[in-house]
Amino acid sequence: MGAPSGRSPRPSLVLATHNAHKVRELRAILAEAGIASDDTAGIVGAGDVGAPEPVEDGVTFAENALIKARALVVHTGVAAIADDSGLAVDVLGGAPGIFSARWAGAHGDDQANLDLLLAQLADVPEQHRGAAFVCAAALVTPDGTEHVELGQLRGTLLPAPRGEGGFGYDPILRPDGESRSCAELTPEEKNAISHRGQAFRAIAPRVVTALRG
């Protein structure tokens, strides 16, 4: 029997994002893992199900990803996937880390965060400017199963921003083996090597199992 008139079908999986592009990206990654388009059509974002934003009070990327995924499972009753990511600078002991989005104080002020970090590293020579974008992707299912995968894109921090693409710290991280910053890469080039892409591709087989379960 189909869904009652005026009501949306129950989703098969919820992704902790309000960004439609990220939902499409996850569907594409799962398609590469063998999930048919009919199945990925049931994947929706948190905004599609009216899910509230949980308090992310974990101290690692993995903990915060799990907090978001668990909250979605409670709200929807279906499997959920979430990610948390940021920039880890070697000489700063892994900071900004989980505070990457609010390093300068206000959450999401990319320019202020970038300017502050560059100022803090102004006297650090290139050989000590190693850093990595890190992402934790978490899958939580209604039966309590939890799984986390990590992705990492290592590189060197540039002394000044380069490129117009991407967001956040992309203009100042030059991936290892590249002459360009992440902001100078095409979206396709960036997605192929990104920390987020790595984490989601690694967790895709678990998501396949959850969707077929």
N, C-alpha and C. Protein backbone atom coordinates (compact mmCIF):
# COMPACT_ATOMS: atom_id res chain seq x y z
N MET A 1 0.85 -1.19 0.00
CA MET A 1 0.00 0.00 0.00
C MET A 1 0.88 1.23 0.00
N GLY A 2 0.60 2.22 -0.84
CA GLY A 2 1.44 3.41 -0.95
C GLY A 2 1.24 4.35 0.20
N ALA A 3 2.05 5.41 0.22
CA ALA A 3 1.95 6.41 1.27
C ALA A 3 0.63 7.15 1.13
N PRO A 4 0.00 7.55 2.26
CA PRO A 4 -1.26 8.28 2.20
C PRO A 4 -1.10 9.55 1.38
N SER A 5 -2.17 9.97 0.74
CA SER A 5 -2.14 11.18 -0.08
C SER A 5 -1.71 12.38 0.75
N GLY A 6 -0.77 13.18 0.18
CA GLY A 6 -0.32 14.39 0.87
C GLY A 6 0.85 14.16 1.80
N ARG A 7 1.27 12.90 1.95
CA ARG A 7 2.39 12.61 2.83
C ARG A 7 3.56 12.07 2.01
N SER A 8 4.77 12.44 2.43
CA SER A 8 5.96 11.98 1.73
C SER A 8 6.29 10.56 2.17
N PRO A 9 6.85 9.75 1.27
CA PRO A 9 7.26 8.40 1.65
C PRO A 9 8.31 8.46 2.76
N ARG A 10 8.36 7.42 3.57
CA ARG A 10 9.36 7.33 4.64
C ARG A 10 10.74 7.22 4.00
N PRO A 11 11.70 8.05 4.42
CA PRO A 11 13.05 7.97 3.83
C PRO A 11 13.74 6.68 4.24
N SER A 12 14.72 6.27 3.46
CA SER A 12 15.49 5.07 3.79
C SER A 12 16.75 5.41 4.58
N LEU A 13 17.22 6.64 4.43
CA LEU A 13 18.44 7.09 5.10
C LEU A 13 18.42 8.61 5.15
N VAL A 14 18.86 9.17 6.29
CA VAL A 14 18.90 10.62 6.43
C VAL A 14 20.34 11.07 6.63
N LEU A 15 20.73 12.08 5.89
CA LEU A 15 22.08 12.66 5.99
C LEU A 15 22.00 13.95 6.79
N ALA A 16 22.90 14.10 7.74
CA ALA A 16 22.89 15.27 8.63
C ALA A 16 23.42 16.50 7.92
N THR A 17 22.62 17.03 7.03
CA THR A 17 22.96 18.26 6.34
C THR A 17 21.69 18.93 5.84
N HIS A 18 21.75 20.24 5.68
CA HIS A 18 20.67 20.99 5.05
C HIS A 18 21.08 21.40 3.64
N ASN A 19 22.21 20.87 3.19
CA ASN A 19 22.78 21.21 1.89
C ASN A 19 22.39 20.15 0.86
N ALA A 20 21.58 20.53 -0.12
CA ALA A 20 21.11 19.59 -1.14
C ALA A 20 22.27 19.02 -1.95
N HIS A 21 23.33 19.83 -2.13
CA HIS A 21 24.49 19.35 -2.89
C HIS A 21 25.14 18.17 -2.19
N LYS A 22 25.23 18.21 -0.87
CA LYS A 22 25.85 17.11 -0.13
C LYS A 22 25.01 15.84 -0.23
N VAL A 23 23.68 15.99 -0.27
CA VAL A 23 22.81 14.82 -0.44
C VAL A 23 23.06 14.18 -1.80
N ARG A 24 23.16 15.01 -2.83
CA ARG A 24 23.44 14.49 -4.18
C ARG A 24 24.80 13.81 -4.23
N GLU A 25 25.78 14.40 -3.53
CA GLU A 25 27.13 13.83 -3.50
C GLU A 25 27.10 12.45 -2.86
N LEU A 26 26.38 12.28 -1.75
CA LEU A 26 26.30 10.99 -1.09
C LEU A 26 25.60 9.97 -1.99
N ARG A 27 24.55 10.39 -2.66
CA ARG A 27 23.86 9.48 -3.59
C ARG A 27 24.82 9.01 -4.68
N ALA A 28 25.66 9.92 -5.18
CA ALA A 28 26.61 9.56 -6.23
C ALA A 28 27.65 8.57 -5.72
N ILE A 29 28.14 8.78 -4.51
CA ILE A 29 29.13 7.88 -3.92
C ILE A 29 28.53 6.49 -3.71
N LEU A 30 27.28 6.44 -3.26
CA LEU A 30 26.62 5.15 -3.03
C LEU A 30 26.33 4.45 -4.35
N ALA A 31 26.05 5.24 -5.39
CA ALA A 31 25.83 4.65 -6.71
C ALA A 31 27.10 3.95 -7.17
N GLU A 32 28.27 4.56 -6.89
CA GLU A 32 29.55 3.94 -7.23
C GLU A 32 29.74 2.63 -6.48
N ALA A 33 29.13 2.54 -5.28
CA ALA A 33 29.26 1.34 -4.45
C ALA A 33 28.23 0.27 -4.81
N GLY A 34 27.37 0.56 -5.79
CA GLY A 34 26.44 -0.45 -6.26
C GLY A 34 25.00 -0.28 -5.87
N ILE A 35 24.66 0.84 -5.22
CA ILE A 35 23.27 1.08 -4.85
C ILE A 35 22.53 1.68 -6.04
N ALA A 36 21.40 1.11 -6.40
CA ALA A 36 20.62 1.57 -7.54
C ALA A 36 20.01 2.93 -7.28
N SER A 37 19.74 3.67 -8.35
CA SER A 37 19.18 5.01 -8.22
C SER A 37 17.83 5.01 -7.51
N ASP A 38 17.05 3.93 -7.67
CA ASP A 38 15.76 3.84 -6.98
C ASP A 38 15.95 3.82 -5.47
N ASP A 39 17.04 3.19 -5.02
CA ASP A 39 17.32 3.13 -3.59
C ASP A 39 17.87 4.45 -3.07
N THR A 40 18.76 5.09 -3.84
CA THR A 40 19.34 6.35 -3.37
C THR A 40 18.31 7.47 -3.36
N ALA A 41 17.20 7.29 -4.08
CA ALA A 41 16.15 8.31 -4.07
C ALA A 41 15.55 8.46 -2.68
N GLY A 42 15.69 7.44 -1.85
CA GLY A 42 15.15 7.50 -0.49
C GLY A 42 16.07 8.19 0.50
N ILE A 43 17.22 8.67 0.03
CA ILE A 43 18.16 9.39 0.90
C ILE A 43 17.80 10.86 0.90
N VAL A 44 17.57 11.41 2.08
CA VAL A 44 17.19 12.82 2.20
C VAL A 44 18.10 13.51 3.21
N GLY A 45 18.00 14.84 3.25
CA GLY A 45 18.77 15.62 4.20
C GLY A 45 17.97 15.90 5.46
N ALA A 46 18.67 16.34 6.51
CA ALA A 46 18.02 16.62 7.79
C ALA A 46 16.94 17.69 7.65
N GLY A 47 17.15 18.64 6.75
CA GLY A 47 16.16 19.68 6.55
C GLY A 47 14.87 19.15 5.97
N ASP A 48 14.95 18.05 5.22
CA ASP A 48 13.76 17.46 4.60
C ASP A 48 12.84 16.80 5.61
N VAL A 49 13.38 16.46 6.78
CA VAL A 49 12.57 15.79 7.80
C VAL A 49 12.36 16.67 9.03
N GLY A 50 12.76 17.94 8.92
CA GLY A 50 12.55 18.88 10.03
C GLY A 50 13.32 18.54 11.29
N ALA A 51 14.49 17.94 11.12
CA ALA A 51 15.28 17.53 12.29
C ALA A 51 15.93 18.73 12.96
N PRO A 52 15.91 18.80 14.30
CA PRO A 52 16.57 19.90 15.01
C PRO A 52 18.08 19.72 15.00
N GLU A 53 18.80 20.81 15.22
CA GLU A 53 20.26 20.76 15.28
C GLU A 53 20.70 20.36 16.69
N PRO A 54 21.41 19.23 16.84
CA PRO A 54 21.86 18.84 18.17
C PRO A 54 23.05 19.68 18.62
N VAL A 55 23.31 19.67 19.91
CA VAL A 55 24.48 20.35 20.46
C VAL A 55 25.71 19.46 20.21
N GLU A 56 26.67 19.97 19.46
CA GLU A 56 27.88 19.20 19.15
C GLU A 56 28.93 19.48 20.21
N ASP A 57 28.88 18.71 21.29
CA ASP A 57 29.80 18.95 22.40
C ASP A 57 30.86 17.85 22.53
N GLY A 58 31.10 17.12 21.45
CA GLY A 58 32.17 16.14 21.46
C GLY A 58 33.52 16.82 21.36
N VAL A 59 34.58 16.08 21.64
CA VAL A 59 35.93 16.66 21.59
C VAL A 59 36.74 16.10 20.42
N THR A 60 36.10 15.28 19.58
CA THR A 60 36.76 14.79 18.37
C THR A 60 35.77 14.88 17.22
N PHE A 61 36.29 14.80 16.00
CA PHE A 61 35.42 14.79 14.82
C PHE A 61 34.47 13.59 14.88
N ALA A 62 34.97 12.43 15.28
CA ALA A 62 34.15 11.22 15.34
C ALA A 62 33.00 11.38 16.33
N GLU A 63 33.29 11.94 17.50
CA GLU A 63 32.24 12.12 18.51
C GLU A 63 31.14 13.04 18.01
N ASN A 64 31.51 14.13 17.36
CA ASN A 64 30.50 15.07 16.87
C ASN A 64 29.69 14.49 15.72
N ALA A 65 30.34 13.70 14.86
CA ALA A 65 29.60 13.04 13.78
C ALA A 65 28.58 12.06 14.36
N LEU A 66 28.98 11.31 15.37
CA LEU A 66 28.07 10.36 16.01
C LEU A 66 26.91 11.07 16.71
N ILE A 67 27.18 12.20 17.35
CA ILE A 67 26.12 12.97 18.01
C ILE A 67 25.04 13.36 17.00
N LYS A 68 25.47 13.83 15.84
CA LYS A 68 24.51 14.25 14.81
C LYS A 68 23.74 13.07 14.25
N ALA A 69 24.43 11.97 13.99
CA ALA A 69 23.76 10.80 13.43
C ALA A 69 22.78 10.18 14.43
N ARG A 70 23.18 10.09 15.69
CA ARG A 70 22.28 9.54 16.71
C ARG A 70 21.01 10.37 16.85
N ALA A 71 21.17 11.69 16.83
CA ALA A 71 20.01 12.57 16.96
C ALA A 71 19.03 12.37 15.81
N LEU A 72 19.55 12.15 14.62
CA LEU A 72 18.69 11.92 13.46
C LEU A 72 17.94 10.60 13.57
N VAL A 73 18.60 9.57 14.07
CA VAL A 73 17.93 8.28 14.25
C VAL A 73 16.78 8.41 15.23
N VAL A 74 17.01 9.12 16.33
CA VAL A 74 15.96 9.34 17.32
C VAL A 74 14.79 10.10 16.70
N HIS A 75 15.09 11.08 15.88
CA HIS A 75 14.04 11.92 15.29
C HIS A 75 13.26 11.20 14.20
N THR A 76 13.95 10.37 13.42
CA THR A 76 13.30 9.78 12.24
C THR A 76 12.97 8.29 12.36
N GLY A 77 13.73 7.57 13.18
CA GLY A 77 13.52 6.13 13.27
C GLY A 77 14.14 5.34 12.14
N VAL A 78 14.93 6.01 11.30
CA VAL A 78 15.63 5.31 10.21
C VAL A 78 17.13 5.56 10.33
N ALA A 79 17.91 4.81 9.55
CA ALA A 79 19.36 4.95 9.60
C ALA A 79 19.78 6.37 9.23
N ALA A 80 20.89 6.80 9.82
CA ALA A 80 21.37 8.16 9.57
C ALA A 80 22.88 8.17 9.41
N ILE A 81 23.34 9.10 8.62
CA ILE A 81 24.78 9.28 8.40
C ILE A 81 25.11 10.76 8.59
N ALA A 82 26.24 11.02 9.22
CA ALA A 82 26.66 12.39 9.49
C ALA A 82 28.17 12.48 9.37
N ASP A 83 28.65 13.70 9.15
CA ASP A 83 30.10 13.88 9.13
C ASP A 83 30.47 15.14 9.89
N ASP A 84 31.70 15.17 10.33
CA ASP A 84 32.24 16.36 10.98
C ASP A 84 33.67 16.49 10.48
N SER A 85 34.08 17.70 10.16
CA SER A 85 35.40 17.87 9.56
C SER A 85 36.01 19.21 9.94
N GLY A 86 37.30 19.32 9.66
CA GLY A 86 37.99 20.57 9.94
C GLY A 86 39.45 20.46 9.53
N LEU A 87 40.21 21.48 9.88
CA LEU A 87 41.63 21.56 9.53
C LEU A 87 42.49 21.30 10.77
N ALA A 88 43.44 20.41 10.63
CA ALA A 88 44.38 20.10 11.72
C ALA A 88 45.78 20.53 11.30
N VAL A 89 46.35 21.49 12.02
CA VAL A 89 47.67 22.04 11.69
C VAL A 89 48.72 21.41 12.60
N ASP A 90 49.74 20.84 12.00
CA ASP A 90 50.75 20.10 12.76
C ASP A 90 51.38 20.94 13.86
N VAL A 91 51.86 22.13 13.51
CA VAL A 91 52.60 22.96 14.46
C VAL A 91 51.70 23.50 15.57
N LEU A 92 50.38 23.43 15.37
CA LEU A 92 49.44 23.87 16.41
C LEU A 92 48.86 22.69 17.18
N GLY A 93 49.51 21.53 17.04
CA GLY A 93 49.06 20.36 17.79
C GLY A 93 47.71 19.82 17.34
N GLY A 94 47.35 20.07 16.09
CA GLY A 94 46.07 19.59 15.57
C GLY A 94 44.97 20.62 15.55
N ALA A 95 45.21 21.81 16.10
CA ALA A 95 44.23 22.89 16.05
C ALA A 95 44.25 23.48 14.62
N PRO A 96 43.18 24.16 14.21
CA PRO A 96 41.92 24.42 14.91
C PRO A 96 41.06 23.19 15.17
N GLY A 97 41.22 22.10 14.42
CA GLY A 97 40.49 20.88 14.70
C GLY A 97 38.99 21.07 14.70
N ILE A 98 38.34 20.59 15.76
CA ILE A 98 36.87 20.68 15.83
C ILE A 98 36.39 22.12 15.95
N PHE A 99 37.30 23.05 16.21
CA PHE A 99 36.93 24.46 16.31
C PHE A 99 37.17 25.22 15.01
N SER A 100 37.43 24.50 13.92
CA SER A 100 37.79 25.13 12.65
C SER A 100 36.77 26.16 12.19
N ALA A 101 35.49 25.86 12.33
CA ALA A 101 34.45 26.76 11.82
C ALA A 101 34.25 28.00 12.68
N ARG A 102 34.80 27.98 13.90
CA ARG A 102 34.65 29.14 14.79
C ARG A 102 35.99 29.55 15.42
N TRP A 103 37.07 29.36 14.67
CA TRP A 103 38.41 29.66 15.18
C TRP A 103 38.56 31.12 15.57
N ALA A 104 37.93 32.01 14.83
CA ALA A 104 38.04 33.45 15.14
C ALA A 104 36.93 33.93 16.07
N GLY A 105 36.07 33.03 16.51
CA GLY A 105 35.02 33.40 17.47
C GLY A 105 33.61 33.18 16.96
N ALA A 106 33.28 33.78 15.82
CA ALA A 106 31.93 33.65 15.26
C ALA A 106 31.86 32.43 14.35
N HIS A 107 30.88 31.58 14.54
CA HIS A 107 30.75 30.36 13.76
C HIS A 107 30.50 30.68 12.29
N GLY A 108 31.30 30.05 11.42
CA GLY A 108 31.07 30.19 9.99
C GLY A 108 31.65 31.41 9.32
N ASP A 109 32.44 32.23 10.03
CA ASP A 109 33.07 33.40 9.41
C ASP A 109 34.37 32.95 8.76
N ASP A 110 34.26 32.43 7.54
CA ASP A 110 35.42 31.83 6.87
C ASP A 110 36.60 32.79 6.75
N GLN A 111 36.33 34.02 6.35
CA GLN A 111 37.42 34.98 6.13
C GLN A 111 38.15 35.29 7.43
N ALA A 112 37.40 35.50 8.50
CA ALA A 112 38.02 35.81 9.80
C ALA A 112 38.84 34.63 10.30
N ASN A 113 38.32 33.42 10.14
CA ASN A 113 39.04 32.22 10.55
C ASN A 113 40.36 32.08 9.79
N LEU A 114 40.28 32.29 8.49
CA LEU A 114 41.45 32.16 7.63
C LEU A 114 42.49 33.23 7.98
N ASP A 115 42.03 34.46 8.15
CA ASP A 115 42.96 35.56 8.46
C ASP A 115 43.66 35.32 9.79
N LEU A 116 42.93 34.85 10.79
CA LEU A 116 43.53 34.61 12.09
C LEU A 116 44.57 33.50 12.02
N LEU A 117 44.25 32.43 11.32
CA LEU A 117 45.20 31.32 11.22
C LEU A 117 46.47 31.74 10.49
N LEU A 118 46.33 32.50 9.42
CA LEU A 118 47.51 32.97 8.70
C LEU A 118 48.37 33.87 9.57
N ALA A 119 47.73 34.70 10.38
CA ALA A 119 48.48 35.58 11.28
C ALA A 119 49.24 34.76 12.32
N GLN A 120 48.61 33.71 12.82
CA GLN A 120 49.26 32.87 13.83
C GLN A 120 50.46 32.11 13.26
N LEU A 121 50.42 31.85 11.95
CA LEU A 121 51.49 31.08 11.32
C LEU A 121 52.46 31.94 10.51
N ALA A 122 52.35 33.26 10.66
CA ALA A 122 53.12 34.18 9.82
C ALA A 122 54.63 33.92 9.85
N ASP A 123 55.17 33.54 10.99
CA ASP A 123 56.61 33.34 11.11
C ASP A 123 57.04 31.87 10.98
N VAL A 124 56.11 31.00 10.63
CA VAL A 124 56.42 29.57 10.53
C VAL A 124 56.90 29.26 9.11
N PRO A 125 58.11 28.71 8.94
CA PRO A 125 58.63 28.42 7.60
C PRO A 125 57.86 27.28 6.93
N GLU A 126 57.98 27.21 5.62
CA GLU A 126 57.19 26.26 4.83
C GLU A 126 57.35 24.82 5.29
N GLN A 127 58.56 24.44 5.66
CA GLN A 127 58.79 23.03 6.04
C GLN A 127 58.05 22.63 7.31
N HIS A 128 57.55 23.62 8.05
CA HIS A 128 56.80 23.33 9.28
C HIS A 128 55.32 23.71 9.16
N ARG A 129 54.84 23.89 7.92
CA ARG A 129 53.45 24.31 7.73
C ARG A 129 52.56 23.15 7.26
N GLY A 130 52.94 21.94 7.65
CA GLY A 130 52.13 20.77 7.31
C GLY A 130 50.78 20.82 8.00
N ALA A 131 49.76 20.34 7.31
CA ALA A 131 48.40 20.34 7.86
C ALA A 131 47.57 19.32 7.11
N ALA A 132 46.37 19.08 7.59
CA ALA A 132 45.49 18.14 6.91
C ALA A 132 44.04 18.51 7.15
N PHE A 133 43.24 18.38 6.12
CA PHE A 133 41.79 18.40 6.29
C PHE A 133 41.41 17.00 6.76
N VAL A 134 40.61 16.92 7.82
CA VAL A 134 40.20 15.64 8.39
C VAL A 134 38.68 15.56 8.43
N CYS A 135 38.14 14.39 8.11
CA CYS A 135 36.70 14.19 8.15
C CYS A 135 36.39 12.86 8.82
N ALA A 136 35.39 12.86 9.69
CA ALA A 136 34.85 11.63 10.26
C ALA A 136 33.43 11.47 9.75
N ALA A 137 33.13 10.33 9.14
CA ALA A 137 31.77 10.01 8.69
C ALA A 137 31.23 8.92 9.59
N ALA A 138 30.03 9.13 10.12
CA ALA A 138 29.43 8.17 11.06
C ALA A 138 28.09 7.66 10.54
N LEU A 139 27.88 6.36 10.68
CA LEU A 139 26.61 5.73 10.35
C LEU A 139 26.01 5.15 11.63
N VAL A 140 24.75 5.47 11.89
CA VAL A 140 24.03 4.93 13.04
C VAL A 140 22.71 4.36 12.54
N THR A 141 22.36 3.16 12.99
CA THR A 141 21.11 2.53 12.58
C THR A 141 20.17 2.41 13.78
N PRO A 142 18.88 2.23 13.52
CA PRO A 142 17.90 2.15 14.62
C PRO A 142 18.17 1.01 15.61
N ASP A 143 18.86 -0.04 15.19
CA ASP A 143 19.14 -1.14 16.11
C ASP A 143 20.36 -0.87 17.00
N GLY A 144 20.93 0.34 16.86
CA GLY A 144 22.06 0.72 17.72
C GLY A 144 23.43 0.49 17.12
N THR A 145 23.49 -0.04 15.90
CA THR A 145 24.78 -0.25 15.25
C THR A 145 25.41 1.10 14.90
N GLU A 146 26.69 1.25 15.19
CA GLU A 146 27.41 2.49 14.89
C GLU A 146 28.73 2.16 14.21
N HIS A 147 29.10 2.98 13.24
CA HIS A 147 30.37 2.78 12.55
C HIS A 147 30.90 4.14 12.10
N VAL A 148 32.21 4.32 12.24
CA VAL A 148 32.86 5.58 11.86
C VAL A 148 34.04 5.30 10.94
N GLU A 149 34.18 6.11 9.91
CA GLU A 149 35.35 6.05 9.03
C GLU A 149 35.97 7.44 8.94
N LEU A 150 37.30 7.48 8.83
CA LEU A 150 38.02 8.74 8.75
C LEU A 150 38.64 8.94 7.37
N GLY A 151 38.68 10.19 6.93
CA GLY A 151 39.36 10.56 5.70
C GLY A 151 40.30 11.72 5.98
N GLN A 152 41.40 11.79 5.26
CA GLN A 152 42.39 12.84 5.51
C GLN A 152 43.03 13.29 4.20
N LEU A 153 43.12 14.60 4.02
CA LEU A 153 43.81 15.17 2.87
C LEU A 153 44.96 16.01 3.40
N ARG A 154 46.19 15.49 3.26
CA ARG A 154 47.35 16.20 3.79
C ARG A 154 47.89 17.18 2.77
N GLY A 155 48.54 18.22 3.29
CA GLY A 155 49.13 19.22 2.43
C GLY A 155 49.96 20.21 3.22
N THR A 156 50.25 21.34 2.59
CA THR A 156 51.04 22.41 3.18
C THR A 156 50.24 23.70 3.14
N LEU A 157 50.29 24.47 4.23
CA LEU A 157 49.57 25.73 4.28
C LEU A 157 50.35 26.83 3.57
N LEU A 158 49.71 27.50 2.65
CA LEU A 158 50.32 28.59 1.90
C LEU A 158 50.38 29.85 2.75
N PRO A 159 51.27 30.79 2.43
CA PRO A 159 51.36 32.04 3.21
C PRO A 159 50.23 33.02 2.90
N ALA A 160 49.54 32.80 1.78
CA ALA A 160 48.43 33.69 1.40
C ALA A 160 47.41 32.88 0.60
N PRO A 161 46.15 33.30 0.63
CA PRO A 161 45.10 32.57 -0.10
C PRO A 161 45.33 32.58 -1.60
N ARG A 162 44.94 31.47 -2.25
CA ARG A 162 45.00 31.37 -3.70
C ARG A 162 43.77 30.62 -4.21
N GLY A 163 43.14 31.19 -5.24
CA GLY A 163 42.00 30.51 -5.84
C GLY A 163 40.67 31.07 -5.38
N GLU A 164 39.66 30.85 -6.20
CA GLU A 164 38.32 31.38 -5.92
C GLU A 164 37.30 30.29 -5.59
N GLY A 165 37.70 29.02 -5.74
CA GLY A 165 36.76 27.93 -5.52
C GLY A 165 36.74 27.49 -4.06
N GLY A 166 35.89 26.48 -3.80
CA GLY A 166 35.85 25.90 -2.47
C GLY A 166 35.32 26.85 -1.42
N PHE A 167 35.67 26.59 -0.16
CA PHE A 167 35.21 27.41 0.96
C PHE A 167 36.13 27.16 2.14
N GLY A 168 35.90 27.87 3.23
CA GLY A 168 36.68 27.67 4.44
C GLY A 168 38.16 27.91 4.21
N TYR A 169 38.96 26.93 4.57
CA TYR A 169 40.42 27.03 4.48
C TYR A 169 40.96 26.54 3.14
N ASP A 170 40.09 26.21 2.20
CA ASP A 170 40.54 25.70 0.90
C ASP A 170 41.60 26.57 0.21
N PRO A 171 41.49 27.91 0.29
CA PRO A 171 42.47 28.74 -0.44
C PRO A 171 43.89 28.68 0.10
N ILE A 172 44.09 28.10 1.30
CA ILE A 172 45.45 28.11 1.85
C ILE A 172 46.05 26.71 2.02
N LEU A 173 45.32 25.66 1.66
CA LEU A 173 45.91 24.32 1.75
C LEU A 173 46.27 23.82 0.35
N ARG A 174 47.55 23.55 0.15
CA ARG A 174 48.02 22.95 -1.10
C ARG A 174 48.23 21.45 -0.84
N PRO A 175 47.40 20.60 -1.45
CA PRO A 175 47.52 19.16 -1.20
C PRO A 175 48.90 18.63 -1.60
N ASP A 176 49.38 17.63 -0.91
CA ASP A 176 50.65 16.99 -1.26
C ASP A 176 50.59 16.53 -2.71
N GLY A 177 51.67 16.80 -3.46
CA GLY A 177 51.74 16.41 -4.85
C GLY A 177 51.09 17.39 -5.81
N GLU A 178 50.54 18.47 -5.27
CA GLU A 178 49.86 19.48 -6.09
C GLU A 178 50.63 20.80 -6.07
N SER A 179 50.48 21.57 -7.13
CA SER A 179 51.05 22.92 -7.17
C SER A 179 49.96 23.95 -6.89
N ARG A 180 48.71 23.49 -6.84
CA ARG A 180 47.58 24.39 -6.63
C ARG A 180 46.97 24.21 -5.25
N SER A 181 46.28 25.26 -4.80
CA SER A 181 45.54 25.15 -3.54
C SER A 181 44.24 24.39 -3.82
N CYS A 182 43.56 23.97 -2.76
CA CYS A 182 42.27 23.29 -2.93
C CYS A 182 41.27 24.20 -3.63
N ALA A 183 41.41 25.51 -3.43
CA ALA A 183 40.49 26.46 -4.04
C ALA A 183 40.77 26.67 -5.52
N GLU A 184 41.92 26.16 -5.99
CA GLU A 184 42.26 26.26 -7.42
C GLU A 184 41.92 24.98 -8.18
N LEU A 185 41.53 23.95 -7.47
CA LEU A 185 41.14 22.70 -8.11
C LEU A 185 39.71 22.80 -8.61
N THR A 186 39.38 22.02 -9.63
CA THR A 186 37.98 21.95 -10.05
C THR A 186 37.22 21.16 -9.00
N PRO A 187 35.89 21.31 -8.92
CA PRO A 187 35.12 20.52 -7.96
C PRO A 187 35.35 19.03 -8.12
N GLU A 188 35.48 18.57 -9.37
CA GLU A 188 35.70 17.14 -9.61
C GLU A 188 37.07 16.70 -9.09
N GLU A 189 38.09 17.53 -9.32
CA GLU A 189 39.43 17.20 -8.84
C GLU A 189 39.46 17.16 -7.31
N LYS A 190 38.81 18.13 -6.71
CA LYS A 190 38.79 18.19 -5.25
C LYS A 190 38.03 17.00 -4.66
N ASN A 191 36.86 16.68 -5.21
CA ASN A 191 36.06 15.58 -4.68
C ASN A 191 36.79 14.25 -4.78
N ALA A 192 37.62 14.10 -5.81
CA ALA A 192 38.33 12.84 -6.01
C ALA A 192 39.36 12.56 -4.92
N ILE A 193 39.88 13.62 -4.28
CA ILE A 193 40.92 13.43 -3.28
C ILE A 193 40.52 13.93 -1.89
N SER A 194 39.35 14.53 -1.76
CA SER A 194 38.99 15.20 -0.52
C SER A 194 38.84 14.25 0.66
N HIS A 195 39.05 14.80 1.83
CA HIS A 195 38.89 14.07 3.08
C HIS A 195 37.46 13.57 3.23
N ARG A 196 36.50 14.38 2.82
CA ARG A 196 35.09 14.00 2.95
C ARG A 196 34.76 12.86 1.98
N GLY A 197 35.25 12.99 0.74
CA GLY A 197 35.02 11.93 -0.23
C GLY A 197 35.63 10.61 0.23
N GLN A 198 36.84 10.66 0.81
CA GLN A 198 37.49 9.45 1.31
C GLN A 198 36.66 8.79 2.39
N ALA A 199 36.19 9.60 3.36
CA ALA A 199 35.43 9.05 4.49
C ALA A 199 34.11 8.44 4.03
N PHE A 200 33.41 9.12 3.13
CA PHE A 200 32.12 8.61 2.67
C PHE A 200 32.29 7.39 1.77
N ARG A 201 33.33 7.37 0.96
CA ARG A 201 33.55 6.18 0.14
C ARG A 201 33.92 4.97 1.03
N ALA A 202 34.65 5.23 2.12
CA ALA A 202 35.03 4.14 3.02
C ALA A 202 33.82 3.58 3.76
N ILE A 203 32.87 4.43 4.10
CA ILE A 203 31.71 3.97 4.86
C ILE A 203 30.58 3.47 3.96
N ALA A 204 30.70 3.70 2.66
CA ALA A 204 29.65 3.33 1.71
C ALA A 204 29.22 1.87 1.81
N PRO A 205 30.16 0.90 1.92
CA PRO A 205 29.71 -0.50 2.03
C PRO A 205 28.80 -0.74 3.23
N ARG A 206 29.08 -0.06 4.34
CA ARG A 206 28.22 -0.20 5.54
C ARG A 206 26.84 0.40 5.28
N VAL A 207 26.82 1.50 4.55
CA VAL A 207 25.55 2.13 4.22
C VAL A 207 24.74 1.22 3.28
N VAL A 208 25.42 0.59 2.35
CA VAL A 208 24.78 -0.37 1.44
C VAL A 208 24.08 -1.47 2.25
N THR A 209 24.80 -2.01 3.24
CA THR A 209 24.24 -3.06 4.09
C THR A 209 23.02 -2.55 4.84
N ALA A 210 23.11 -1.32 5.38
CA ALA A 210 21.99 -0.75 6.13
C ALA A 210 20.76 -0.55 5.25
N LEU A 211 20.98 -0.09 4.02
CA LEU A 211 19.86 0.16 3.12
C LEU A 211 19.20 -1.14 2.66
N ARG A 212 19.99 -2.18 2.57
CA ARG A 212 19.45 -3.46 2.10
C ARG A 212 18.97 -4.35 3.23
N GLY A 213 19.26 -3.89 4.47
CA GLY A 213 18.93 -4.70 5.63
C GLY A 213 17.47 -4.91 5.85
